[in-house]
All heavy atoms as atom14 arrays in JSON, in Angstrom:
{
  "sequence": "QLRPALLVVGAVLAHGLLLDLAGYLVAAFVAFWGIAYALG",
  "atom14_mask": [
    [1, 1, 1, 1, 1, 1, 1, 1, 1, 0, 0, 0, 0, 0],
    [1, 1, 1, 1, 1, 1, 1, 1, 0, 0, 0, 0, 0, 0],
    [1, 1, 1, 1, 1, 1, 1, 1, 1, 1, 1, 0, 0, 0],
    [1, 1, 1, 1, 1, 1, 1, 0, 0, 0, 0, 0, 0, 0],
    [1, 1, 1, 1, 1, 0, 0, 0, 0, 0, 0, 0, 0, 0],
    [1, 1, 1, 1, 1, 1, 1, 1, 0, 0, 0, 0, 0, 0],
    [1, 1, 1, 1, 1, 1, 1, 1, 0, 0, 0, 0, 0, 0],
    [1, 1, 1, 1, 1, 1, 1, 0, 0, 0, 0, 0, 0, 0],
    [1, 1, 1, 1, 1, 1, 1, 0, 0, 0, 0, 0, 0, 0],
    [1, 1, 1, 1, 0, 0, 0, 0, 0, 0, 0, 0, 0, 0],
    [1, 1, 1, 1, 1, 0, 0, 0, 0, 0, 0, 0, 0, 0],
    [1, 1, 1, 1, 1, 1, 1, 0, 0, 0, 0, 0, 0, 0],
    [1, 1, 1, 1, 1, 1, 1, 1, 0, 0, 0, 0, 0, 0],
    [1, 1, 1, 1, 1, 0, 0, 0, 0, 0, 0, 0, 0, 0],
    [1, 1, 1, 1, 1, 1, 1, 1, 1, 1, 0, 0, 0, 0],
    [1, 1, 1, 1, 0, 0, 0, 0, 0, 0, 0, 0, 0, 0],
    [1, 1, 1, 1, 1, 1, 1, 1, 0, 0, 0, 0, 0, 0],
    [1, 1, 1, 1, 1, 1, 1, 1, 0, 0, 0, 0, 0, 0],
    [1, 1, 1, 1, 1, 1, 1, 1, 0, 0, 0, 0, 0, 0],
    [1, 1, 1, 1, 1, 1, 1, 1, 0, 0, 0, 0, 0, 0],
    [1, 1, 1, 1, 1, 1, 1, 1, 0, 0, 0, 0, 0, 0],
    [1, 1, 1, 1, 1, 0, 0, 0, 0, 0, 0, 0, 0, 0],
    [1, 1, 1, 1, 0, 0, 0, 0, 0, 0, 0, 0, 0, 0],
    [1, 1, 1, 1, 1, 1, 1, 1, 1, 1, 1, 1, 0, 0],
    [1, 1, 1, 1, 1, 1, 1, 1, 0, 0, 0, 0, 0, 0],
    [1, 1, 1, 1, 1, 1, 1, 0, 0, 0, 0, 0, 0, 0],
    [1, 1, 1, 1, 1, 0, 0, 0, 0, 0, 0, 0, 0, 0],
    [1, 1, 1, 1, 1, 0, 0, 0, 0, 0, 0, 0, 0, 0],
    [1, 1, 1, 1, 1, 1, 1, 1, 1, 1, 1, 0, 0, 0],
    [1, 1, 1, 1, 1, 1, 1, 0, 0, 0, 0, 0, 0, 0],
    [1, 1, 1, 1, 1, 0, 0, 0, 0, 0, 0, 0, 0, 0],
    [1, 1, 1, 1, 1, 1, 1, 1, 1, 1, 1, 0, 0, 0],
    [1, 1, 1, 1, 1, 1, 1, 1, 1, 1, 1, 1, 1, 1],
    [1, 1, 1, 1, 0, 0, 0, 0, 0, 0, 0, 0, 0, 0],
    [1, 1, 1, 1, 1, 1, 1, 1, 0, 0, 0, 0, 0, 0],
    [1, 1, 1, 1, 1, 0, 0, 0, 0, 0, 0, 0, 0, 0],
    [1, 1, 1, 1, 1, 1, 1, 1, 1, 1, 1, 1, 0, 0],
    [1, 1, 1, 1, 1, 0, 0, 0, 0, 0, 0, 0, 0, 0],
    [1, 1, 1, 1, 1, 1, 1, 1, 0, 0, 0, 0, 0, 0],
    [1, 1, 1, 1, 0, 0, 0, 0, 0, 0, 0, 0, 0, 0]
  ],
  "atom14_positions": [
    [[282.54, 13.21, 81.73], [281.4, 12.85, 80.9], [280.65, 14.14, 80.56], [279.76, 14.55, 81.3], [280.51, 11.85, 81.63], [281.2, 10.55, 81.98], [281.57, 9.75, 80.73], [280.83, 9.73, 79.76], [282.72, 9.11, 80.76], [0.0, 0.0, 0.0], [0.0, 0.0, 0.0], [0.0, 0.0, 0.0], [0.0, 0.0, 0.0], [0.0, 0.0, 0.0]],
    [[281.01, 14.77, 79.47], [280.48, 16.08, 79.13], [279.02, 16.02, 78.66], [278.21, 16.87, 79.02], [281.36, 16.73, 78.06], [281.14, 18.21, 77.83], [281.35, 18.98, 79.11], [282.09, 18.72, 76.76], [0.0, 0.0, 0.0], [0.0, 0.0, 0.0], [0.0, 0.0, 0.0], [0.0, 0.0, 0.0], [0.0, 0.0, 0.0], [0.0, 0.0, 0.0]],
    [[278.66, 15.01, 77.88], [277.3, 14.95, 77.33], [276.24, 14.87, 78.42], [275.29, 15.67, 78.41], [277.19, 13.77, 76.37], [275.83, 13.71, 75.68], [275.82, 12.63, 74.59], [274.57, 12.66, 73.88], [273.52, 11.9, 74.18], [273.61, 11.05, 75.18], [272.4, 11.98, 73.49], [0.0, 0.0, 0.0], [0.0, 0.0, 0.0], [0.0, 0.0, 0.0]],
    [[276.33, 13.94, 79.39], [275.32, 13.92, 80.45], [275.28, 15.22, 81.26], [274.21, 15.69, 81.63], [275.72, 12.75, 81.33], [276.57, 11.89, 80.48], [277.24, 12.8, 79.51], [0.0, 0.0, 0.0], [0.0, 0.0, 0.0], [0.0, 0.0, 0.0], [0.0, 0.0, 0.0], [0.0, 0.0, 0.0], [0.0, 0.0, 0.0], [0.0, 0.0, 0.0]],
    [[276.44, 15.8, 81.5], [276.48, 17.05, 82.26], [275.77, 18.16, 81.51], [275.0, 18.93, 82.09], [277.92, 17.45, 82.56], [0.0, 0.0, 0.0], [0.0, 0.0, 0.0], [0.0, 0.0, 0.0], [0.0, 0.0, 0.0], [0.0, 0.0, 0.0], [0.0, 0.0, 0.0], [0.0, 0.0, 0.0], [0.0, 0.0, 0.0], [0.0, 0.0, 0.0]],
    [[275.99, 18.25, 80.2], [275.33, 19.28, 79.4], [273.82, 19.03, 79.3], [273.03, 19.97, 79.29], [275.95, 19.35, 78.01], [277.37, 19.91, 77.95], [277.92, 19.84, 76.53], [277.42, 21.33, 78.47], [0.0, 0.0, 0.0], [0.0, 0.0, 0.0], [0.0, 0.0, 0.0], [0.0, 0.0, 0.0], [0.0, 0.0, 0.0], [0.0, 0.0, 0.0]],
    [[273.41, 17.76, 79.25], [271.99, 17.44, 79.23], [271.31, 17.87, 80.54], [270.2, 18.4, 80.52], [271.77, 15.95, 78.98], [272.01, 15.47, 77.55], [271.96, 13.94, 77.49], [271.0, 16.07, 76.6], [0.0, 0.0, 0.0], [0.0, 0.0, 0.0], [0.0, 0.0, 0.0], [0.0, 0.0, 0.0], [0.0, 0.0, 0.0], [0.0, 0.0, 0.0]],
    [[271.98, 17.64, 81.67], [271.42, 18.07, 82.96], [271.32, 19.6, 83.0], [270.29, 20.15, 83.42], [272.26, 17.53, 84.13], [271.86, 18.18, 85.44], [272.12, 16.02, 84.23], [0.0, 0.0, 0.0], [0.0, 0.0, 0.0], [0.0, 0.0, 0.0], [0.0, 0.0, 0.0], [0.0, 0.0, 0.0], [0.0, 0.0, 0.0], [0.0, 0.0, 0.0]],
    [[272.37, 20.28, 82.59], [272.34, 21.75, 82.56], [271.22, 22.24, 81.65], [270.46, 23.16, 81.99], [273.71, 22.33, 82.13], [273.61, 23.81, 81.83], [274.75, 22.07, 83.2], [0.0, 0.0, 0.0], [0.0, 0.0, 0.0], [0.0, 0.0, 0.0], [0.0, 0.0, 0.0], [0.0, 0.0, 0.0], [0.0, 0.0, 0.0], [0.0, 0.0, 0.0]],
    [[271.06, 21.61, 80.48], [269.99, 21.99, 79.56], [268.61, 21.77, 80.16], [267.72, 22.6, 79.99], [0.0, 0.0, 0.0], [0.0, 0.0, 0.0], [0.0, 0.0, 0.0], [0.0, 0.0, 0.0], [0.0, 0.0, 0.0], [0.0, 0.0, 0.0], [0.0, 0.0, 0.0], [0.0, 0.0, 0.0], [0.0, 0.0, 0.0], [0.0, 0.0, 0.0]],
    [[268.43, 20.65, 80.88], [267.14, 20.37, 81.52], [266.82, 21.4, 82.6], [265.68, 21.86, 82.72], [267.13, 18.96, 82.11], [0.0, 0.0, 0.0], [0.0, 0.0, 0.0], [0.0, 0.0, 0.0], [0.0, 0.0, 0.0], [0.0, 0.0, 0.0], [0.0, 0.0, 0.0], [0.0, 0.0, 0.0], [0.0, 0.0, 0.0], [0.0, 0.0, 0.0]],
    [[267.83, 21.78, 83.37], [267.62, 22.79, 84.42], [267.31, 24.15, 83.8], [266.42, 24.88, 84.26], [268.84, 22.85, 85.36], [268.74, 24.02, 86.31], [268.97, 21.54, 86.14], [0.0, 0.0, 0.0], [0.0, 0.0, 0.0], [0.0, 0.0, 0.0], [0.0, 0.0, 0.0], [0.0, 0.0, 0.0], [0.0, 0.0, 0.0], [0.0, 0.0, 0.0]],
    [[268.03, 24.51, 82.73], [267.75, 25.78, 82.05], [266.36, 25.78, 81.42], [265.64, 26.78, 81.48], [268.81, 26.05, 80.98], [270.2, 26.43, 81.48], [271.18, 26.55, 80.32], [270.16, 27.72, 82.28], [0.0, 0.0, 0.0], [0.0, 0.0, 0.0], [0.0, 0.0, 0.0], [0.0, 0.0, 0.0], [0.0, 0.0, 0.0], [0.0, 0.0, 0.0]],
    [[265.97, 24.65, 80.83], [264.62, 24.54, 80.26], [263.57, 24.72, 81.34], [262.55, 25.37, 81.14], [264.46, 23.19, 79.57], [0.0, 0.0, 0.0], [0.0, 0.0, 0.0], [0.0, 0.0, 0.0], [0.0, 0.0, 0.0], [0.0, 0.0, 0.0], [0.0, 0.0, 0.0], [0.0, 0.0, 0.0], [0.0, 0.0, 0.0], [0.0, 0.0, 0.0]],
    [[263.82, 24.15, 82.52], [262.89, 24.31, 83.64], [262.74, 25.79, 83.99], [261.62, 26.29, 84.16], [263.37, 23.53, 84.86], [262.46, 23.63, 86.03], [262.62, 24.59, 87.01], [261.38, 22.91, 86.39], [261.67, 24.46, 87.91], [260.91, 23.44, 87.56], [0.0, 0.0, 0.0], [0.0, 0.0, 0.0], [0.0, 0.0, 0.0], [0.0, 0.0, 0.0]],
    [[263.83, 26.49, 84.08], [263.79, 27.92, 84.4], [263.07, 28.74, 83.34], [262.31, 29.66, 83.66], [0.0, 0.0, 0.0], [0.0, 0.0, 0.0], [0.0, 0.0, 0.0], [0.0, 0.0, 0.0], [0.0, 0.0, 0.0], [0.0, 0.0, 0.0], [0.0, 0.0, 0.0], [0.0, 0.0, 0.0], [0.0, 0.0, 0.0], [0.0, 0.0, 0.0]],
    [[263.28, 28.4, 82.08], [262.64, 29.15, 81.0], [261.15, 28.81, 80.87], [260.35, 29.68, 80.51], [263.35, 28.86, 79.67], [264.79, 29.35, 79.57], [265.44, 28.84, 78.29], [264.84, 30.87, 79.63], [0.0, 0.0, 0.0], [0.0, 0.0, 0.0], [0.0, 0.0, 0.0], [0.0, 0.0, 0.0], [0.0, 0.0, 0.0], [0.0, 0.0, 0.0]],
    [[260.78, 27.58, 81.15], [259.39, 27.16, 80.98], [258.51, 27.47, 82.19], [257.29, 27.41, 82.08], [259.34, 25.65, 80.71], [259.82, 25.18, 79.34], [259.89, 23.67, 79.3], [258.9, 25.71, 78.26], [0.0, 0.0, 0.0], [0.0, 0.0, 0.0], [0.0, 0.0, 0.0], [0.0, 0.0, 0.0], [0.0, 0.0, 0.0], [0.0, 0.0, 0.0]],
    [[259.09, 27.76, 83.33], [258.33, 27.89, 84.57], [257.2, 28.92, 84.45], [256.05, 28.6, 84.74], [259.27, 28.24, 85.73], [258.72, 28.07, 87.12], [258.21, 26.66, 87.35], [259.77, 28.4, 88.15], [0.0, 0.0, 0.0], [0.0, 0.0, 0.0], [0.0, 0.0, 0.0], [0.0, 0.0, 0.0], [0.0, 0.0, 0.0], [0.0, 0.0, 0.0]],
    [[257.5, 30.12, 84.04], [256.46, 31.15, 83.91], [255.64, 30.97, 82.63], [254.44, 31.24, 82.61], [257.08, 32.55, 83.92], [257.55, 32.94, 85.32], [256.97, 32.42, 86.29], [258.49, 33.75, 85.41], [0.0, 0.0, 0.0], [0.0, 0.0, 0.0], [0.0, 0.0, 0.0], [0.0, 0.0, 0.0], [0.0, 0.0, 0.0], [0.0, 0.0, 0.0]],
    [[256.29, 30.49, 81.59], [255.62, 30.36, 80.3], [254.61, 29.2, 80.27], [253.47, 29.38, 79.85], [256.68, 30.16, 79.21], [256.2, 30.05, 77.78], [255.61, 31.39, 77.34], [257.35, 29.67, 76.87], [0.0, 0.0, 0.0], [0.0, 0.0, 0.0], [0.0, 0.0, 0.0], [0.0, 0.0, 0.0], [0.0, 0.0, 0.0], [0.0, 0.0, 0.0]],
    [[255.03, 28.03, 80.74], [254.18, 26.84, 80.63], [253.65, 26.36, 81.97], [252.84, 25.44, 82.01], [254.96, 25.72, 79.94], [0.0, 0.0, 0.0], [0.0, 0.0, 0.0], [0.0, 0.0, 0.0], [0.0, 0.0, 0.0], [0.0, 0.0, 0.0], [0.0, 0.0, 0.0], [0.0, 0.0, 0.0], [0.0, 0.0, 0.0], [0.0, 0.0, 0.0]],
    [[254.13, 26.9, 83.06], [253.69, 26.48, 84.38], [254.61, 25.45, 85.0], [255.46, 24.86, 84.32], [0.0, 0.0, 0.0], [0.0, 0.0, 0.0], [0.0, 0.0, 0.0], [0.0, 0.0, 0.0], [0.0, 0.0, 0.0], [0.0, 0.0, 0.0], [0.0, 0.0, 0.0], [0.0, 0.0, 0.0], [0.0, 0.0, 0.0], [0.0, 0.0, 0.0]],
    [[254.44, 25.23, 86.3], [255.33, 24.32, 87.02], [255.24, 22.89, 86.53], [256.26, 22.22, 86.37], [255.05, 24.36, 88.53], [255.91, 23.37, 89.26], [257.22, 23.68, 89.58], [255.45, 22.09, 89.55], [258.05, 22.76, 90.19], [256.26, 21.16, 90.16], [257.56, 21.5, 90.48], [258.37, 20.58, 91.07], [0.0, 0.0, 0.0], [0.0, 0.0, 0.0]],
    [[254.04, 22.4, 86.31], [253.85, 21.0, 85.95], [254.62, 20.65, 84.67], [255.34, 19.65, 84.62], [252.37, 20.69, 85.8], [251.97, 19.23, 85.83], [252.43, 18.57, 87.12], [250.47, 19.09, 85.69], [0.0, 0.0, 0.0], [0.0, 0.0, 0.0], [0.0, 0.0, 0.0], [0.0, 0.0, 0.0], [0.0, 0.0, 0.0], [0.0, 0.0, 0.0]],
    [[254.48, 21.46, 83.64], [255.17, 21.21, 82.37], [256.67, 21.4, 82.55], [257.47, 20.57, 82.08], [254.63, 22.14, 81.27], [255.45, 22.02, 79.99], [253.16, 21.85, 81.0], [0.0, 0.0, 0.0], [0.0, 0.0, 0.0], [0.0, 0.0, 0.0], [0.0, 0.0, 0.0], [0.0, 0.0, 0.0], [0.0, 0.0, 0.0], [0.0, 0.0, 0.0]],
    [[257.09, 22.47, 83.23], [258.53, 22.75, 83.41], [259.2, 21.64, 84.21], [260.29, 21.18, 83.87], [258.71, 24.09, 84.1], [0.0, 0.0, 0.0], [0.0, 0.0, 0.0], [0.0, 0.0, 0.0], [0.0, 0.0, 0.0], [0.0, 0.0, 0.0], [0.0, 0.0, 0.0], [0.0, 0.0, 0.0], [0.0, 0.0, 0.0], [0.0, 0.0, 0.0]],
    [[258.55, 21.19, 85.29], [259.14, 20.13, 86.12], [259.17, 18.81, 85.36], [260.14, 18.05, 85.46], [258.35, 19.97, 87.41], [0.0, 0.0, 0.0], [0.0, 0.0, 0.0], [0.0, 0.0, 0.0], [0.0, 0.0, 0.0], [0.0, 0.0, 0.0], [0.0, 0.0, 0.0], [0.0, 0.0, 0.0], [0.0, 0.0, 0.0], [0.0, 0.0, 0.0]],
    [[258.13, 18.51, 84.58], [258.11, 17.3, 83.77], [259.29, 17.27, 82.81], [260.02, 16.28, 82.71], [256.79, 17.21, 83.0], [256.79, 16.19, 81.9], [256.83, 14.83, 82.2], [256.78, 16.58, 80.58], [256.84, 13.88, 81.18], [256.78, 15.64, 79.55], [256.81, 14.29, 79.85], [0.0, 0.0, 0.0], [0.0, 0.0, 0.0], [0.0, 0.0, 0.0]],
    [[259.52, 18.38, 82.11], [260.64, 18.46, 81.16], [261.97, 18.31, 81.9], [262.87, 17.58, 81.46], [260.6, 19.79, 80.37], [261.88, 20.02, 79.58], [259.39, 19.81, 79.45], [0.0, 0.0, 0.0], [0.0, 0.0, 0.0], [0.0, 0.0, 0.0], [0.0, 0.0, 0.0], [0.0, 0.0, 0.0], [0.0, 0.0, 0.0], [0.0, 0.0, 0.0]],
    [[262.11, 18.95, 83.05], [263.35, 18.87, 83.81], [263.59, 17.46, 84.33], [264.7, 16.92, 84.19], [263.33, 19.86, 84.97], [0.0, 0.0, 0.0], [0.0, 0.0, 0.0], [0.0, 0.0, 0.0], [0.0, 0.0, 0.0], [0.0, 0.0, 0.0], [0.0, 0.0, 0.0], [0.0, 0.0, 0.0], [0.0, 0.0, 0.0], [0.0, 0.0, 0.0]],
    [[262.57, 16.84, 84.93], [262.74, 15.48, 85.46], [263.05, 14.49, 84.35], [263.92, 13.63, 84.5], [261.49, 15.04, 86.23], [261.27, 15.79, 87.51], [259.98, 16.01, 87.97], [262.31, 16.29, 88.26], [259.75, 16.7, 89.16], [262.11, 16.97, 89.44], [260.82, 17.18, 89.89], [0.0, 0.0, 0.0], [0.0, 0.0, 0.0], [0.0, 0.0, 0.0]],
    [[262.36, 14.6, 83.23], [262.59, 13.69, 82.11], [263.99, 13.9, 81.54], [264.71, 12.94, 81.27], [261.53, 13.89, 81.05], [261.48, 12.82, 79.99], [262.22, 11.67, 79.92], [260.65, 12.81, 78.84], [261.89, 10.95, 78.82], [260.93, 11.61, 78.13], [259.7, 13.67, 78.34], [260.29, 11.28, 76.94], [259.06, 13.32, 77.16], [259.35, 12.15, 76.47]],
    [[264.39, 15.16, 81.36], [265.71, 15.44, 80.82], [266.83, 14.95, 81.72], [267.81, 14.37, 81.24], [0.0, 0.0, 0.0], [0.0, 0.0, 0.0], [0.0, 0.0, 0.0], [0.0, 0.0, 0.0], [0.0, 0.0, 0.0], [0.0, 0.0, 0.0], [0.0, 0.0, 0.0], [0.0, 0.0, 0.0], [0.0, 0.0, 0.0], [0.0, 0.0, 0.0]],
    [[266.69, 15.13, 83.01], [267.73, 14.68, 83.94], [267.76, 13.16, 84.0], [268.84, 12.55, 84.01], [267.52, 15.31, 85.33], [267.8, 16.82, 85.25], [268.42, 14.65, 86.37], [267.41, 17.6, 86.48], [0.0, 0.0, 0.0], [0.0, 0.0, 0.0], [0.0, 0.0, 0.0], [0.0, 0.0, 0.0], [0.0, 0.0, 0.0], [0.0, 0.0, 0.0]],
    [[266.59, 12.52, 84.02], [266.54, 11.06, 84.02], [267.18, 10.5, 82.76], [267.95, 9.53, 82.81], [265.09, 10.58, 84.15], [0.0, 0.0, 0.0], [0.0, 0.0, 0.0], [0.0, 0.0, 0.0], [0.0, 0.0, 0.0], [0.0, 0.0, 0.0], [0.0, 0.0, 0.0], [0.0, 0.0, 0.0], [0.0, 0.0, 0.0], [0.0, 0.0, 0.0]],
    [[266.91, 11.13, 81.62], [267.51, 10.7, 80.35], [269.04, 10.85, 80.41], [269.77, 9.97, 79.98], [266.93, 11.51, 79.19], [267.44, 11.08, 77.84], [266.83, 10.04, 77.16], [268.54, 11.7, 77.26], [267.29, 9.63, 75.92], [269.02, 11.3, 76.02], [268.39, 10.26, 75.36], [268.88, 9.85, 74.14], [0.0, 0.0, 0.0], [0.0, 0.0, 0.0]],
    [[269.5, 11.98, 80.93], [270.95, 12.22, 81.02], [271.64, 11.2, 81.9], [272.78, 10.83, 81.66], [271.21, 13.63, 81.55], [0.0, 0.0, 0.0], [0.0, 0.0, 0.0], [0.0, 0.0, 0.0], [0.0, 0.0, 0.0], [0.0, 0.0, 0.0], [0.0, 0.0, 0.0], [0.0, 0.0, 0.0], [0.0, 0.0, 0.0], [0.0, 0.0, 0.0]],
    [[270.93, 10.72, 82.92], [271.52, 9.77, 83.86], [271.32, 8.32, 83.43], [271.68, 7.4, 84.15], [270.96, 9.99, 85.26], [271.29, 11.37, 85.85], [270.64, 11.53, 87.21], [272.79, 11.59, 85.94], [0.0, 0.0, 0.0], [0.0, 0.0, 0.0], [0.0, 0.0, 0.0], [0.0, 0.0, 0.0], [0.0, 0.0, 0.0], [0.0, 0.0, 0.0]],
    [[270.7, 8.11, 82.25], [270.63, 6.77, 81.69], [269.26, 6.12, 81.64], [269.14, 5.0, 81.17], [0.0, 0.0, 0.0], [0.0, 0.0, 0.0], [0.0, 0.0, 0.0], [0.0, 0.0, 0.0], [0.0, 0.0, 0.0], [0.0, 0.0, 0.0], [0.0, 0.0, 0.0], [0.0, 0.0, 0.0], [0.0, 0.0, 0.0], [0.0, 0.0, 0.0]]
  ]
}
């Protein structure tokens, strides 16, 4: 299942990129939402 796997990878990468720029709260929100979306 390539699409969900790529969505999870994208959410984790977004978390890493947003952490210093937007702060933990925003970065974690984007990561949790992206991973939850990828998992259905």
